[in-house]
Amino acid sequence: MNIIKTVDQESLTLEEKEALELGVKTEADLLAEHEATLTAQEADREERLRKAEEVAQNQKIRAEKAESQLKKPEKENITPKTDDSLSQTDLIAVLKADISEEDISEVTDYAKLKKISVTEALKSSVVKAILSEKKEERKTAEATSTGVTRRGSTKPSSSQLMENAEKGIMPESDEELDILVRARKGVK
């Protein structure tokens, strides 16, 4: 049995009708063109459907991944404070340890470096050594006057004036000259 396909005249465009009437195209040509168009449209639909299914699968995977991350219990990270303020217990420990204001930064820096509390840092032998060294430096600085001091002018003794005169260095003031003359004569 042979199936004959015919072209539906109502579904043809005006251009296709004219080409059929003028004999430029046959019904077979028009059928082939329509089938090619339908095949291309069907392939395009299949491609869009495949892409839509792929996008849906990707979204599903993302949703499952996000959901599994939400279900995981978060590990609690205990980190020391990053700001420069001391906790109340650390402040009390610093006050009890009788630490100078200049040394507080040393202790807090050490505590941050080792990721321990200031109280624990104060118990450390390293911090104790640093604090004692700094305390000793302050005591030494207080004992030796590091400021500029004015010294009063002293009168040279008669023996100093005589030694200088023998070297050719003569006294500058009249008073020193009188002392030198008396010393040479042996008069006091």
Protein backbone atom coordinates (compact mmCIF):
# COMPACT_ATOMS: atom_id res chain seq x y z
CA MET A 1 0.00 0.00 0.00
CA ASN A 2 1.29 3.37 -1.05
CA ILE A 3 0.56 6.48 0.97
CA ILE A 4 0.38 9.62 -1.05
CA LYS A 5 1.07 12.82 0.75
CA THR A 6 -0.56 15.94 -0.54
CA VAL A 7 -0.16 19.54 0.35
CA ASP A 8 -2.97 21.25 2.24
CA GLN A 9 -3.69 24.33 0.12
CA GLU A 10 -4.91 26.35 3.10
CA SER A 11 -1.65 25.91 5.04
CA LEU A 12 0.48 27.23 2.16
CA THR A 13 1.80 30.75 2.21
CA LEU A 14 1.02 33.13 -0.63
CA GLU A 15 4.52 32.71 -2.08
CA GLU A 16 4.26 28.91 -1.97
CA LYS A 17 0.87 29.01 -3.72
CA GLU A 18 2.28 31.20 -6.51
CA ALA A 19 5.33 28.91 -6.92
CA LEU A 20 3.02 25.87 -7.17
CA GLU A 21 0.70 27.52 -9.72
CA LEU A 22 3.59 28.78 -11.87
CA GLY A 23 5.23 25.37 -11.78
CA VAL A 24 8.39 26.66 -10.15
CA LYS A 25 7.92 24.14 -7.34
CA THR A 26 6.12 20.86 -7.21
CA GLU A 27 4.05 19.45 -4.37
CA ALA A 28 6.92 17.10 -3.58
CA ASP A 29 9.29 20.07 -3.24
CA LEU A 30 6.90 21.85 -0.90
CA LEU A 31 6.41 18.68 1.17
CA ALA A 32 10.17 18.22 1.44
CA GLU A 33 10.63 21.83 2.56
CA HIS A 34 7.88 21.49 5.18
CA GLU A 35 9.34 18.23 6.48
CA ALA A 36 12.81 19.81 6.68
CA THR A 37 11.36 22.79 8.58
CA LEU A 38 9.47 20.50 10.94
CA THR A 39 12.58 18.37 11.51
CA ALA A 40 14.67 21.50 12.27
CA GLN A 41 11.99 22.80 14.65
CA GLU A 42 11.79 19.43 16.36
CA ALA A 43 15.60 19.29 16.72
CA ASP A 44 15.56 22.83 18.14
CA ARG A 45 12.85 21.86 20.66
CA GLU A 46 14.79 18.77 21.67
CA GLU A 47 17.96 20.87 22.18
CA ARG A 48 16.07 23.41 24.33
CA LEU A 49 14.49 20.59 26.32
CA ARG A 50 17.91 18.99 26.90
CA LYS A 51 19.36 22.33 28.08
CA ALA A 52 16.37 22.91 30.39
CA GLU A 53 16.80 19.46 31.90
CA GLU A 54 20.54 20.11 32.39
CA VAL A 55 19.83 23.44 34.15
CA ALA A 56 17.23 21.75 36.35
CA GLN A 57 19.72 19.02 37.27
CA ASN A 58 22.41 21.60 38.13
CA GLN A 59 19.97 23.53 40.32
CA LYS A 60 18.95 20.33 42.05
CA ILE A 61 22.61 19.48 42.77
CA ARG A 62 23.25 23.00 44.12
CA ALA A 63 20.16 22.85 46.33
CA GLU A 64 21.18 19.46 47.74
CA LYS A 65 24.71 20.71 48.38
CA ALA A 66 23.46 23.84 50.17
CA GLU A 67 21.02 21.78 52.20
CA SER A 68 23.73 19.33 53.28
CA GLN A 69 25.95 22.21 54.36
CA LEU A 70 23.16 23.62 56.48
CA LYS A 71 22.64 20.27 58.16
CA LYS A 72 26.31 19.95 59.14
CA PRO A 73 26.87 21.18 62.69
CA GLU A 74 29.21 24.12 62.71
CA LYS A 75 32.35 23.70 64.76
CA GLU A 76 32.56 26.38 67.36
CA ASN A 77 35.75 28.31 66.93
CA ILE A 78 37.03 29.70 70.18
CA THR A 79 39.28 32.59 69.32
CA PRO A 80 40.75 35.14 71.65
CA LYS A 81 39.48 38.67 71.43
CA THR A 82 41.09 40.59 68.61
CA ASP A 83 40.36 44.02 70.00
CA ASP A 84 42.76 45.79 72.33
CA SER A 85 40.48 45.82 75.38
CA LEU A 86 41.19 43.50 78.27
CA SER A 87 38.59 41.27 79.82
CA GLN A 88 37.71 41.91 83.45
CA THR A 89 39.69 38.92 84.68
CA ASP A 90 42.72 39.98 82.65
CA LEU A 91 42.44 43.52 83.97
CA ILE A 92 42.32 42.26 87.55
CA ALA A 93 45.34 40.04 86.91
CA VAL A 94 47.30 42.99 85.50
CA LEU A 95 46.41 45.15 88.50
CA LYS A 96 47.39 42.42 90.99
CA ALA A 97 50.69 41.81 89.18
CA ASP A 98 51.63 45.47 89.69
CA ILE A 99 52.71 45.94 86.08
CA SER A 100 53.84 49.31 84.75
CA GLU A 101 51.71 50.90 82.03
CA GLU A 102 54.55 50.58 79.50
CA ASP A 103 54.71 46.81 80.06
CA ILE A 104 50.99 46.04 79.59
CA SER A 105 51.40 46.07 75.81
CA GLU A 106 54.27 43.54 76.10
CA VAL A 107 52.05 41.17 78.08
CA THR A 108 49.02 41.54 75.81
CA ASP A 109 51.15 41.09 72.68
CA TYR A 110 52.63 37.89 74.10
CA ALA A 111 49.16 36.62 75.02
CA LYS A 112 47.87 37.30 71.50
CA LEU A 113 50.90 35.66 69.94
CA LYS A 114 50.53 32.50 72.01
CA LYS A 115 46.70 32.70 71.85
CA ILE A 116 46.36 32.52 75.61
CA SER A 117 44.75 34.78 78.17
CA VAL A 118 46.65 37.65 79.78
CA THR A 119 46.37 35.84 83.12
CA GLU A 120 48.15 32.80 81.69
CA ALA A 121 50.72 35.03 79.98
CA LEU A 122 51.57 36.64 83.34
CA LYS A 123 52.37 33.18 84.71
CA SER A 124 54.77 32.48 81.83
CA SER A 125 58.49 32.52 82.61
CA VAL A 126 59.17 34.45 79.41
CA VAL A 127 56.88 37.30 80.40
CA LYS A 128 58.23 37.28 83.95
CA ALA A 129 61.78 37.64 82.58
CA ILE A 130 60.78 40.49 80.28
CA LEU A 131 58.95 42.31 83.07
CA SER A 132 61.83 41.96 85.53
CA GLU A 133 64.32 43.21 82.92
CA LYS A 134 62.16 46.24 82.13
CA LYS A 135 61.71 46.94 85.86
CA GLU A 136 65.48 46.82 86.36
CA GLU A 137 66.01 49.19 83.43
CA ARG A 138 63.57 51.68 84.97
CA LYS A 139 65.33 51.48 88.36
CA THR A 140 68.69 52.09 86.71
CA ALA A 141 67.32 55.02 84.74
CA GLU A 142 65.91 56.57 87.91
CA ALA A 143 69.14 56.07 89.83
CA THR A 144 71.32 57.66 87.17
CA SER A 145 70.04 61.07 86.37
CA THR A 146 69.65 61.02 82.63
CA GLY A 147 68.57 64.64 82.46
CA VAL A 148 70.95 67.52 81.70
CA THR A 149 72.44 68.90 84.89
CA ARG A 150 74.24 72.20 85.20
CA ARG A 151 77.44 72.06 87.01
CA GLY A 152 78.65 75.08 88.84
CA SER A 153 82.03 76.59 88.00
CA THR A 154 84.76 75.43 90.34
CA LYS A 155 87.80 77.35 91.26
CA PRO A 156 91.00 75.62 90.29
CA SER A 157 93.34 74.85 93.16
CA SER A 158 96.69 76.56 93.48
CA SER A 159 98.52 73.34 92.54
CA GLN A 160 96.42 73.03 89.36
CA LEU A 161 97.17 76.65 88.45
CA MET A 162 100.92 76.05 88.97
CA GLU A 163 100.89 72.91 86.80
CA ASN A 164 99.03 74.78 84.07
CA ALA A 165 101.44 77.71 84.25
CA GLU A 166 104.42 75.35 83.83
CA LYS A 167 102.69 74.00 80.68
CA GLY A 168 102.21 77.54 79.39
CA ILE A 169 98.52 77.82 80.20
CA MET A 170 97.93 81.07 82.03
CA PRO A 171 94.90 81.79 84.25
CA GLU A 172 92.03 83.68 82.63
CA SER A 173 90.68 85.71 85.55
CA ASP A 174 92.43 88.13 87.88
CA GLU A 175 91.38 86.07 90.88
CA GLU A 176 93.09 82.94 89.49
CA LEU A 177 96.19 85.04 88.68
CA ASP A 178 96.35 86.25 92.31
CA ILE A 179 96.09 82.64 93.53
CA LEU A 180 98.93 81.62 91.19
CA VAL A 181 101.18 84.50 92.40
CA ARG A 182 100.54 83.64 96.07
CA ALA A 183 101.24 79.98 95.37
CA ARG A 184 104.62 80.82 93.82
CA LYS A 185 105.55 83.03 96.73
CA GLY A 186 104.31 80.39 99.15
CA VAL A 187 101.76 82.69 100.72
CA LYS A 188 98.31 81.45 101.46
